[in-house]
Full PDB file with SEQRES, HELIX, SHEET, SSBOND, CRYST1, ORIGX, SCALE, CONECT and MASTER records, all heavy atoms in Angstrom:
SEQRES   1 A   37  ALA PRO GLY GLN TYR ARG LEU VAL LEU SER ASN TYR VAL          
SEQRES   2 A   37  LYS PRO GLY ASP LYS MET THR LEU VAL PHE ASP LYS GLU          
SEQRES   3 A   37  GLN LYS ALA LEU VAL GLY VAL THR ILE ALA SER                  
SHEET    1 AA1 3 GLN A   4  SER A  10  0                                        
SHEET    2 AA1 3 LYS A  18  ASP A  24 -1                                        
SHEET    3 AA1 3 ALA A  29  ALA A  36 -1                                        
CRYST1    1.000    1.000    1.000  90.00  90.00  90.00 P 1           1          
ORIGX1      1.000000  0.000000  0.000000        0.00000                         
ORIGX2      0.000000  1.000000  0.000000        0.00000                         
ORIGX3      0.000000  0.000000  1.000000        0.00000                         
SCALE1      1.000000  0.000000  0.000000        0.00000                         
SCALE2      0.000000  1.000000  0.000000        0.00000                         
SCALE3      0.000000  0.000000  1.000000        0.00000                         
ATOM      1  N   ALA A   1      -0.919   0.089   9.386  1.00  0.00           N  
ATOM      2  CA  ALA A   1       0.432  -0.560   9.356  1.00  0.00           C  
ATOM      3  C   ALA A   1       1.335   0.227   8.512  1.00  0.00           C  
ATOM      4  O   ALA A   1       0.916   0.847   7.472  1.00  0.00           O  
ATOM      5  CB  ALA A   1       0.254  -1.946   8.732  1.00  0.00           C  
ATOM      6  N   PRO A   2       2.678   0.206   8.797  1.00  0.00           N  
ATOM      7  CA  PRO A   2       3.519   0.917   7.848  1.00  0.00           C  
ATOM      8  C   PRO A   2       3.564   0.349   6.496  1.00  0.00           C  
ATOM      9  O   PRO A   2       3.271  -0.837   6.278  1.00  0.00           O  
ATOM     10  CB  PRO A   2       4.979   0.661   8.474  1.00  0.00           C  
ATOM     11  CG  PRO A   2       4.781  -0.031   9.766  1.00  0.00           C  
ATOM     12  CD  PRO A   2       3.268  -0.456   9.886  1.00  0.00           C  
ATOM     13  N   GLY A   3       3.771   1.186   5.525  1.00  0.00           N  
ATOM     14  CA  GLY A   3       3.751   0.670   4.009  1.00  0.00           C  
ATOM     15  C   GLY A   3       2.310   0.542   3.429  1.00  0.00           C  
ATOM     16  O   GLY A   3       2.172   0.165   2.363  1.00  0.00           O  
ATOM     17  N   GLN A   4       1.273   0.944   4.348  1.00  0.00           N  
ATOM     18  CA  GLN A   4      -0.032   1.049   3.637  1.00  0.00           C  
ATOM     19  C   GLN A   4      -0.412   2.343   3.354  1.00  0.00           C  
ATOM     20  O   GLN A   4      -0.199   3.434   4.054  1.00  0.00           O  
ATOM     21  CB  GLN A   4      -0.952   0.389   4.714  1.00  0.00           C  
ATOM     22  CG  GLN A   4      -0.925  -1.064   4.855  1.00  0.00           C  
ATOM     23  CD  GLN A   4      -1.959  -1.695   5.636  1.00  0.00           C  
ATOM     24  OE1 GLN A   4      -2.858  -1.070   6.268  1.00  0.00           O  
ATOM     25  NE2 GLN A   4      -1.990  -3.104   5.646  1.00  0.00           N  
ATOM     26  N   TYR A   5      -1.091   2.495   2.177  1.00  0.00           N  
ATOM     27  CA  TYR A   5      -1.580   3.789   1.597  1.00  0.00           C  
ATOM     28  C   TYR A   5      -3.065   3.749   1.287  1.00  0.00           C  
ATOM     29  O   TYR A   5      -3.548   2.623   0.919  1.00  0.00           O  
ATOM     30  CB  TYR A   5      -0.747   4.169   0.426  1.00  0.00           C  
ATOM     31  CG  TYR A   5       0.766   4.412   0.796  1.00  0.00           C  
ATOM     32  CD1 TYR A   5       1.592   3.303   0.773  1.00  0.00           C  
ATOM     33  CD2 TYR A   5       1.195   5.641   1.168  1.00  0.00           C  
ATOM     34  CE1 TYR A   5       2.930   3.554   1.114  1.00  0.00           C  
ATOM     35  CE2 TYR A   5       2.558   5.828   1.540  1.00  0.00           C  
ATOM     36  CZ  TYR A   5       3.406   4.758   1.536  1.00  0.00           C  
ATOM     37  OH  TYR A   5       4.659   4.941   1.847  1.00  0.00           O  
ATOM     38  N   ARG A   6      -3.724   4.844   1.486  1.00  0.00           N  
ATOM     39  CA  ARG A   6      -5.072   4.898   1.090  1.00  0.00           C  
ATOM     40  C   ARG A   6      -5.458   5.822  -0.068  1.00  0.00           C  
ATOM     41  O   ARG A   6      -4.735   6.917  -0.162  1.00  0.00           O  
ATOM     42  CB  ARG A   6      -5.904   5.184   2.265  1.00  0.00           C  
ATOM     43  CG  ARG A   6      -5.767   6.675   2.894  1.00  0.00           C  
ATOM     44  CD  ARG A   6      -6.689   6.885   4.063  1.00  0.00           C  
ATOM     45  NE  ARG A   6      -6.239   8.112   4.609  1.00  0.00           N  
ATOM     46  CZ  ARG A   6      -6.726   8.556   5.708  1.00  0.00           C  
ATOM     47  NH1 ARG A   6      -7.450   7.875   6.375  1.00  0.00           N  
ATOM     48  NH2 ARG A   6      -6.333   9.734   6.207  1.00  0.00           N  
ATOM     49  N   LEU A   7      -6.295   5.506  -0.891  1.00  0.00           N  
ATOM     50  CA  LEU A   7      -6.765   6.405  -2.022  1.00  0.00           C  
ATOM     51  C   LEU A   7      -8.349   6.623  -1.596  1.00  0.00           C  
ATOM     52  O   LEU A   7      -8.969   5.694  -1.513  1.00  0.00           O  
ATOM     53  CB  LEU A   7      -6.722   5.570  -3.239  1.00  0.00           C  
ATOM     54  CG  LEU A   7      -7.171   6.283  -4.519  1.00  0.00           C  
ATOM     55  CD1 LEU A   7      -6.163   7.474  -4.847  1.00  0.00           C  
ATOM     56  CD2 LEU A   7      -7.173   5.273  -5.749  1.00  0.00           C  
ATOM     57  N   VAL A   8      -8.509   7.869  -1.341  1.00  0.00           N  
ATOM     58  CA  VAL A   8      -9.842   8.330  -0.995  1.00  0.00           C  
ATOM     59  C   VAL A   8     -10.545   8.979  -2.108  1.00  0.00           C  
ATOM     60  O   VAL A   8      -9.999   9.903  -2.743  1.00  0.00           O  
ATOM     61  CB  VAL A   8      -9.882   9.233   0.344  1.00  0.00           C  
ATOM     62  CG1 VAL A   8     -11.278   9.613   0.618  1.00  0.00           C  
ATOM     63  CG2 VAL A   8      -9.110   8.625   1.451  1.00  0.00           C  
ATOM     64  N   LEU A   9     -11.631   8.489  -2.572  1.00  0.00           N  
ATOM     65  CA  LEU A   9     -12.397   9.000  -3.664  1.00  0.00           C  
ATOM     66  C   LEU A   9     -13.804   9.720  -3.002  1.00  0.00           C  
ATOM     67  O   LEU A   9     -14.527   8.927  -2.447  1.00  0.00           O  
ATOM     68  CB  LEU A   9     -12.795   7.925  -4.575  1.00  0.00           C  
ATOM     69  CG  LEU A   9     -11.662   7.185  -5.198  1.00  0.00           C  
ATOM     70  CD1 LEU A   9     -12.033   5.750  -5.550  1.00  0.00           C  
ATOM     71  CD2 LEU A   9     -11.002   7.949  -6.291  1.00  0.00           C  
ATOM     72  N   SER A  10     -13.846  10.957  -3.170  1.00  0.00           N  
ATOM     73  CA  SER A  10     -15.091  11.731  -2.705  1.00  0.00           C  
ATOM     74  C   SER A  10     -15.942  11.932  -3.883  1.00  0.00           C  
ATOM     75  O   SER A  10     -15.544  12.177  -4.998  1.00  0.00           O  
ATOM     76  CB  SER A  10     -14.736  12.978  -2.063  1.00  0.00           C  
ATOM     77  OG  SER A  10     -13.785  12.613  -0.988  1.00  0.00           O  
ATOM     78  N   ASN A  11     -17.328  11.919  -3.690  1.00  0.00           N  
ATOM     79  CA  ASN A  11     -18.290  12.216  -4.706  1.00  0.00           C  
ATOM     80  C   ASN A  11     -18.047  11.334  -5.875  1.00  0.00           C  
ATOM     81  O   ASN A  11     -18.090  11.722  -7.035  1.00  0.00           O  
ATOM     82  CB  ASN A  11     -18.164  13.661  -5.182  1.00  0.00           C  
ATOM     83  CG  ASN A  11     -18.319  14.664  -3.994  1.00  0.00           C  
ATOM     84  OD1 ASN A  11     -19.264  14.586  -3.171  1.00  0.00           O  
ATOM     85  ND2 ASN A  11     -17.252  15.606  -3.809  1.00  0.00           N  
ATOM     86  N   TYR A  12     -17.779   9.993  -5.620  1.00  0.00           N  
ATOM     87  CA  TYR A  12     -17.506   9.074  -6.596  1.00  0.00           C  
ATOM     88  C   TYR A  12     -18.675   8.638  -7.463  1.00  0.00           C  
ATOM     89  O   TYR A  12     -18.771   8.774  -8.690  1.00  0.00           O  
ATOM     90  CB  TYR A  12     -16.849   7.820  -5.872  1.00  0.00           C  
ATOM     91  CG  TYR A  12     -16.446   6.835  -6.903  1.00  0.00           C  
ATOM     92  CD1 TYR A  12     -15.256   7.056  -7.899  1.00  0.00           C  
ATOM     93  CD2 TYR A  12     -16.998   5.576  -6.889  1.00  0.00           C  
ATOM     94  CE1 TYR A  12     -15.001   5.890  -8.752  1.00  0.00           C  
ATOM     95  CE2 TYR A  12     -16.646   4.572  -7.803  1.00  0.00           C  
ATOM     96  CZ  TYR A  12     -15.598   4.766  -8.652  1.00  0.00           C  
ATOM     97  OH  TYR A  12     -15.298   3.706  -9.505  1.00  0.00           O  
ATOM     98  N   VAL A  13     -19.797   8.222  -6.750  1.00  0.00           N  
ATOM     99  CA  VAL A  13     -20.899   7.830  -7.432  1.00  0.00           C  
ATOM    100  C   VAL A  13     -22.055   8.830  -7.165  1.00  0.00           C  
ATOM    101  O   VAL A  13     -22.763   9.231  -8.010  1.00  0.00           O  
ATOM    102  CB  VAL A  13     -21.547   6.381  -6.962  1.00  0.00           C  
ATOM    103  CG1 VAL A  13     -22.817   6.057  -7.565  1.00  0.00           C  
ATOM    104  CG2 VAL A  13     -20.432   5.429  -7.426  1.00  0.00           C  
ATOM    105  N   LYS A  14     -22.089   9.285  -5.917  1.00  0.00           N  
ATOM    106  CA  LYS A  14     -23.193  10.303  -5.432  1.00  0.00           C  
ATOM    107  C   LYS A  14     -22.495  11.351  -4.714  1.00  0.00           C  
ATOM    108  O   LYS A  14     -21.464  11.283  -4.013  1.00  0.00           O  
ATOM    109  CB  LYS A  14     -24.118   9.598  -4.416  1.00  0.00           C  
ATOM    110  CG  LYS A  14     -24.904   8.430  -5.141  1.00  0.00           C  
ATOM    111  CD  LYS A  14     -25.870   7.841  -4.151  1.00  0.00           C  
ATOM    112  CE  LYS A  14     -26.741   6.725  -4.914  1.00  0.00           C  
ATOM    113  NZ  LYS A  14     -27.997   6.531  -4.169  1.00  0.00           N  
ATOM    114  N   PRO A  15     -23.087  12.690  -4.812  1.00  0.00           N  
ATOM    115  CA  PRO A  15     -22.644  13.735  -4.028  1.00  0.00           C  
ATOM    116  C   PRO A  15     -22.492  13.470  -2.467  1.00  0.00           C  
ATOM    117  O   PRO A  15     -23.472  12.850  -1.905  1.00  0.00           O  
ATOM    118  CB  PRO A  15     -23.667  14.859  -4.251  1.00  0.00           C  
ATOM    119  CG  PRO A  15     -24.308  14.432  -5.435  1.00  0.00           C  
ATOM    120  CD  PRO A  15     -24.305  12.936  -5.454  1.00  0.00           C  
ATOM    121  N   GLY A  16     -21.265  13.705  -1.885  1.00  0.00           N  
ATOM    122  CA  GLY A  16     -21.090  13.460  -0.496  1.00  0.00           C  
ATOM    123  C   GLY A  16     -20.734  12.077  -0.236  1.00  0.00           C  
ATOM    124  O   GLY A  16     -20.409  11.653   1.052  1.00  0.00           O  
ATOM    125  N   ASP A  17     -20.577  11.038  -1.140  1.00  0.00           N  
ATOM    126  CA  ASP A  17     -20.100   9.821  -0.759  1.00  0.00           C  
ATOM    127  C   ASP A  17     -18.686   9.687  -0.625  1.00  0.00           C  
ATOM    128  O   ASP A  17     -17.863  10.586  -0.966  1.00  0.00           O  
ATOM    129  CB  ASP A  17     -20.647   8.587  -1.733  1.00  0.00           C  
ATOM    130  CG  ASP A  17     -19.970   8.822  -3.234  1.00  0.00           C  
ATOM    131  OD1 ASP A  17     -19.142   9.810  -3.387  1.00  0.00           O  
ATOM    132  OD2 ASP A  17     -20.337   8.015  -4.030  1.00  0.00           O  
ATOM    133  N   LYS A  18     -18.178   8.564  -0.126  1.00  0.00           N  
ATOM    134  CA  LYS A  18     -16.689   8.398  -0.079  1.00  0.00           C  
ATOM    135  C   LYS A  18     -16.394   6.925  -0.121  1.00  0.00           C  
ATOM    136  O   LYS A  18     -16.948   6.058   0.463  1.00  0.00           O  
ATOM    137  CB  LYS A  18     -16.169   8.971   1.231  1.00  0.00           C  
ATOM    138  CG  LYS A  18     -14.716   8.908   1.335  1.00  0.00           C  
ATOM    139  CD  LYS A  18     -14.207   9.699   2.683  1.00  0.00           C  
ATOM    140  CE  LYS A  18     -14.620  11.173   2.653  1.00  0.00           C  
ATOM    141  NZ  LYS A  18     -14.015  11.962   3.666  1.00  0.00           N  
ATOM    142  N   MET A  19     -15.412   6.533  -1.035  1.00  0.00           N  
ATOM    143  CA  MET A  19     -14.857   5.295  -1.074  1.00  0.00           C  
ATOM    144  C   MET A  19     -13.427   5.339  -0.761  1.00  0.00           C  
ATOM    145  O   MET A  19     -12.730   6.183  -1.415  1.00  0.00           O  
ATOM    146  CB  MET A  19     -15.125   4.602  -2.486  1.00  0.00           C  
ATOM    147  CG  MET A  19     -14.542   3.224  -2.546  1.00  0.00           C  
ATOM    148  SD  MET A  19     -15.104   2.282  -4.031  1.00  0.00           S  
ATOM    149  CE  MET A  19     -14.368   3.247  -5.316  1.00  0.00           C  
ATOM    150  N   THR A  20     -12.934   4.482   0.076  1.00  0.00           N  
ATOM    151  CA  THR A  20     -11.489   4.435   0.480  1.00  0.00           C  
ATOM    152  C   THR A  20     -10.903   3.113   0.099  1.00  0.00           C  
ATOM    153  O   THR A  20     -11.490   2.071   0.555  1.00  0.00           O  
ATOM    154  CB  THR A  20     -11.343   4.737   1.959  1.00  0.00           C  
ATOM    155  OG1 THR A  20     -11.911   5.994   2.235  1.00  0.00           O  
ATOM    156  CG2 THR A  20      -9.849   4.780   2.324  1.00  0.00           C  
ATOM    157  N   LEU A  21      -9.805   3.073  -0.670  1.00  0.00           N  
ATOM    158  CA  LEU A  21      -9.110   1.801  -1.014  1.00  0.00           C  
ATOM    159  C   LEU A  21      -7.779   1.884  -0.278  1.00  0.00           C  
ATOM    160  O   LEU A  21      -7.032   2.819  -0.370  1.00  0.00           O  
ATOM    161  CB  LEU A  21      -8.915   1.813  -2.516  1.00  0.00           C  
ATOM    162  CG  LEU A  21     -10.147   1.996  -3.450  1.00  0.00           C  
ATOM    163  CD1 LEU A  21      -9.710   2.129  -4.853  1.00  0.00           C  
ATOM    164  CD2 LEU A  21     -11.002   0.721  -3.273  1.00  0.00           C  
ATOM    165  N   VAL A  22      -7.465   0.778   0.406  1.00  0.00           N  
ATOM    166  CA  VAL A  22      -6.189   0.691   1.180  1.00  0.00           C  
ATOM    167  C   VAL A  22      -5.294  -0.369   0.540  1.00  0.00           C  
ATOM    168  O   VAL A  22      -5.791  -1.465   0.368  1.00  0.00           O  
ATOM    169  CB  VAL A  22      -6.445   0.345   2.731  1.00  0.00           C  
ATOM    170  CG1 VAL A  22      -5.124   0.293   3.432  1.00  0.00           C  
ATOM    171  CG2 VAL A  22      -7.341   1.385   3.271  1.00  0.00           C  
ATOM    172  N   PHE A  23      -4.142   0.074   0.239  1.00  0.00           N  
ATOM    173  CA  PHE A  23      -3.121  -0.822  -0.473  1.00  0.00           C  
ATOM    174  C   PHE A  23      -1.943  -1.056   0.320  1.00  0.00           C  
ATOM    175  O   PHE A  23      -1.567  -0.091   1.185  1.00  0.00           O  
ATOM    176  CB  PHE A  23      -2.673  -0.131  -1.749  1.00  0.00           C  
ATOM    177  CG  PHE A  23      -3.724   0.126  -2.790  1.00  0.00           C  
ATOM    178  CD1 PHE A  23      -4.427   1.358  -2.818  1.00  0.00           C  
ATOM    179  CD2 PHE A  23      -4.090  -0.895  -3.637  1.00  0.00           C  
ATOM    180  CE1 PHE A  23      -5.367   1.507  -3.741  1.00  0.00           C  
ATOM    181  CE2 PHE A  23      -5.117  -0.631  -4.610  1.00  0.00           C  
ATOM    182  CZ  PHE A  23      -5.802   0.474  -4.712  1.00  0.00           C  
ATOM    183  N   ASP A  24      -1.368  -2.179   0.304  1.00  0.00           N  
ATOM    184  CA  ASP A  24      -0.034  -2.447   1.050  1.00  0.00           C  
ATOM    185  C   ASP A  24       0.879  -2.487   0.033  1.00  0.00           C  
ATOM    186  O   ASP A  24       0.944  -3.183  -0.995  1.00  0.00           O  
ATOM    187  CB  ASP A  24      -0.212  -3.860   1.706  1.00  0.00           C  
ATOM    188  CG  ASP A  24       1.055  -4.111   2.569  1.00  0.00           C  
ATOM    189  OD1 ASP A  24       2.146  -4.302   1.919  1.00  0.00           O  
ATOM    190  OD2 ASP A  24       0.936  -4.076   3.852  1.00  0.00           O  
ATOM    191  N   LYS A  25       1.868  -1.563   0.140  1.00  0.00           N  
ATOM    192  CA  LYS A  25       3.077  -1.330  -0.762  1.00  0.00           C  
ATOM    193  C   LYS A  25       3.861  -2.580  -0.919  1.00  0.00           C  
ATOM    194  O   LYS A  25       4.260  -3.073  -2.129  1.00  0.00           O  
ATOM    195  CB  LYS A  25       3.865  -0.164  -0.490  1.00  0.00           C  
ATOM    196  CG  LYS A  25       4.936   0.193  -1.454  1.00  0.00           C  
ATOM    197  CD  LYS A  25       5.589   1.450  -1.121  1.00  0.00           C  
ATOM    198  CE  LYS A  25       6.769   1.805  -2.074  1.00  0.00           C  
ATOM    199  NZ  LYS A  25       7.414   2.938  -1.601  1.00  0.00           N  
ATOM    200  N   GLU A  26       4.160  -3.202   0.204  1.00  0.00           N  
ATOM    201  CA  GLU A  26       5.140  -4.409   0.165  1.00  0.00           C  
ATOM    202  C   GLU A  26       4.429  -5.519  -0.485  1.00  0.00           C  
ATOM    203  O   GLU A  26       5.009  -6.267  -1.242  1.00  0.00           O  
ATOM    204  CB  GLU A  26       5.634  -4.808   1.580  1.00  0.00           C  
ATOM    205  CG  GLU A  26       6.502  -5.919   1.683  1.00  0.00           C  
ATOM    206  CD  GLU A  26       6.919  -6.275   3.116  1.00  0.00           C  
ATOM    207  OE1 GLU A  26       7.171  -5.254   3.805  1.00  0.00           O  
ATOM    208  OE2 GLU A  26       7.034  -7.452   3.429  1.00  0.00           O  
ATOM    209  N   GLN A  27       3.209  -5.796  -0.101  1.00  0.00           N  
ATOM    210  CA  GLN A  27       2.416  -6.993  -0.742  1.00  0.00           C  
ATOM    211  C   GLN A  27       1.918  -6.667  -2.110  1.00  0.00           C  
ATOM    212  O   GLN A  27       1.537  -7.607  -2.766  1.00  0.00           O  
ATOM    213  CB  GLN A  27       1.203  -7.240   0.148  1.00  0.00           C  
ATOM    214  CG  GLN A  27       1.484  -7.725   1.516  1.00  0.00           C  
ATOM    215  CD  GLN A  27       0.219  -8.033   2.336  1.00  0.00           C  
ATOM    216  OE1 GLN A  27      -0.902  -8.136   1.780  1.00  0.00           O  
ATOM    217  NE2 GLN A  27       0.326  -7.900   3.618  1.00  0.00           N  
ATOM    218  N   LYS A  28       2.007  -5.344  -2.434  1.00  0.00           N  
ATOM    219  CA  LYS A  28       1.398  -4.961  -3.815  1.00  0.00           C  
ATOM    220  C   LYS A  28      -0.011  -5.482  -3.956  1.00  0.00           C  
ATOM    221  O   LYS A  28      -0.362  -6.092  -4.916  1.00  0.00           O  
ATOM    222  CB  LYS A  28       2.249  -5.466  -4.914  1.00  0.00           C  
ATOM    223  CG  LYS A  28       3.692  -4.817  -4.891  1.00  0.00           C  
ATOM    224  CD  LYS A  28       4.376  -5.262  -6.066  1.00  0.00           C  
ATOM    225  CE  LYS A  28       5.802  -4.534  -5.862  1.00  0.00           C  
ATOM    226  NZ  LYS A  28       6.721  -5.071  -6.876  1.00  0.00           N  
ATOM    227  N   ALA A  29      -0.757  -5.291  -2.827  1.00  0.00           N  
ATOM    228  CA  ALA A  29      -2.139  -5.789  -2.826  1.00  0.00           C  
ATOM    229  C   ALA A  29      -3.161  -4.845  -2.113  1.00  0.00           C  
ATOM    230  O   ALA A  29      -2.681  -4.045  -1.246  1.00  0.00           O  
ATOM    231  CB  ALA A  29      -2.196  -7.085  -2.018  1.00  0.00           C  
ATOM    232  N   LEU A  30      -4.416  -4.917  -2.462  1.00  0.00           N  
ATOM    233  CA  LEU A  30      -5.524  -4.186  -1.931  1.00  0.00           C  
ATOM    234  C   LEU A  30      -5.706  -4.972  -0.616  1.00  0.00           C  
ATOM    235  O   LEU A  30      -5.914  -6.176  -0.521  1.00  0.00           O  
ATOM    236  CB  LEU A  30      -6.643  -4.288  -2.815  1.00  0.00           C  
ATOM    237  CG  LEU A  30      -7.950  -3.642  -2.342  1.00  0.00           C  
ATOM    238  CD1 LEU A  30      -7.687  -2.131  -2.198  1.00  0.00           C  
ATOM    239  CD2 LEU A  30      -9.050  -3.925  -3.308  1.00  0.00           C  
ATOM    240  N   VAL A  31      -5.821  -4.204   0.534  1.00  0.00           N  
ATOM    241  CA  VAL A  31      -6.112  -4.783   1.789  1.00  0.00           C  
ATOM    242  C   VAL A  31      -7.398  -4.365   2.465  1.00  0.00           C  
ATOM    243  O   VAL A  31      -7.903  -5.074   3.446  1.00  0.00           O  
ATOM    244  CB  VAL A  31      -4.937  -4.613   2.788  1.00  0.00           C  
ATOM    245  CG1 VAL A  31      -3.606  -5.251   2.355  1.00  0.00           C  
ATOM    246  CG2 VAL A  31      -4.590  -3.138   3.086  1.00  0.00           C  
ATOM    247  N   GLY A  32      -8.056  -3.425   1.876  1.00  0.00           N  
ATOM    248  CA  GLY A  32      -9.364  -2.943   2.502  1.00  0.00           C  
ATOM    249  C   GLY A  32     -10.029  -2.038   1.528  1.00  0.00           C  
ATOM    250  O   GLY A  32      -9.362  -1.225   0.809  1.00  0.00           O  
ATOM    251  N   VAL A  33     -11.320  -2.053   1.700  1.00  0.00           N  
ATOM    252  CA  VAL A  33     -12.186  -1.054   0.939  1.00  0.00           C  
ATOM    253  C   VAL A  33     -13.366  -0.656   1.952  1.00  0.00           C  
ATOM    254  O   VAL A  33     -13.870  -1.466   2.623  1.00  0.00           O  
ATOM    255  CB  VAL A  33     -12.814  -1.679  -0.294  1.00  0.00           C  
ATOM    256  CG1 VAL A  33     -13.879  -0.614  -0.939  1.00  0.00           C  
ATOM    257  CG2 VAL A  33     -11.804  -2.183  -1.301  1.00  0.00           C  
ATOM    258  N   THR A  34     -13.516   0.663   1.997  1.00  0.00           N  
ATOM    259  CA  THR A  34     -14.611   1.155   2.781  1.00  0.00           C  
ATOM    260  C   THR A  34     -15.526   2.104   1.857  1.00  0.00           C  
ATOM    261  O   THR A  34     -14.898   2.782   1.096  1.00  0.00           O  
ATOM    262  CB  THR A  34     -14.253   1.941   4.061  1.00  0.00           C  
ATOM    263  OG1 THR A  34     -13.484   3.005   3.797  1.00  0.00           O  
ATOM    264  CG2 THR A  34     -13.576   0.969   5.066  1.00  0.00           C  
ATOM    265  N   ILE A  35     -16.736   1.990   2.013  1.00  0.00           N  
ATOM    266  CA  ILE A  35     -17.691   2.866   1.268  1.00  0.00           C  
ATOM    267  C   ILE A  35     -18.716   3.522   2.246  1.00  0.00           C  
ATOM    268  O   ILE A  35     -19.214   2.847   3.098  1.00  0.00           O  
ATOM    269  CB  ILE A  35     -18.524   1.994   0.251  1.00  0.00           C  
ATOM    270  CG1 ILE A  35     -17.442   1.328  -0.683  1.00  0.00           C  
ATOM    271  CG2 ILE A  35     -19.509   2.877  -0.454  1.00  0.00           C  
ATOM    272  CD1 ILE A  35     -18.249   0.253  -1.605  1.00  0.00           C  
ATOM    273  N   ALA A  36     -18.748   4.738   2.124  1.00  0.00           N  
ATOM    274  CA  ALA A  36     -19.866   5.526   2.871  1.00  0.00           C  
ATOM    275  C   ALA A  36     -20.751   6.122   1.966  1.00  0.00           C  
ATOM    276  O   ALA A  36     -20.328   7.209   1.168  1.00  0.00           O  
ATOM    277  CB  ALA A  36     -19.199   6.514   3.823  1.00  0.00           C  
ATOM    278  N   SER A  37     -21.851   5.729   1.707  1.00  0.00           N  
ATOM    279  CA  SER A  37     -22.829   6.287   0.586  1.00  0.00           C  
ATOM    280  C   SER A  37     -24.225   6.278   1.194  1.00  0.00           C  
ATOM    281  O   SER A  37     -24.475   6.211   2.420  1.00  0.00           O  
ATOM    282  CB  SER A  37     -22.710   5.331  -0.652  1.00  0.00           C  
ATOM    283  OG  SER A  37     -23.454   5.996  -1.742  1.00  0.00           O  
TER     284      SER A  37                                                      
MASTER        0    0    0    0    3    0    0    6  283    1    0    3          
END                                                                             
């Protein structure tokens, strides 16, 4: 959706992992989290 931004963290807890946080700028809220570990 327009106005949504993601923050992708690689190697956050373990080598090769990825955590993605999706924020909605208009709502000023977290709308999703994905973790691949």
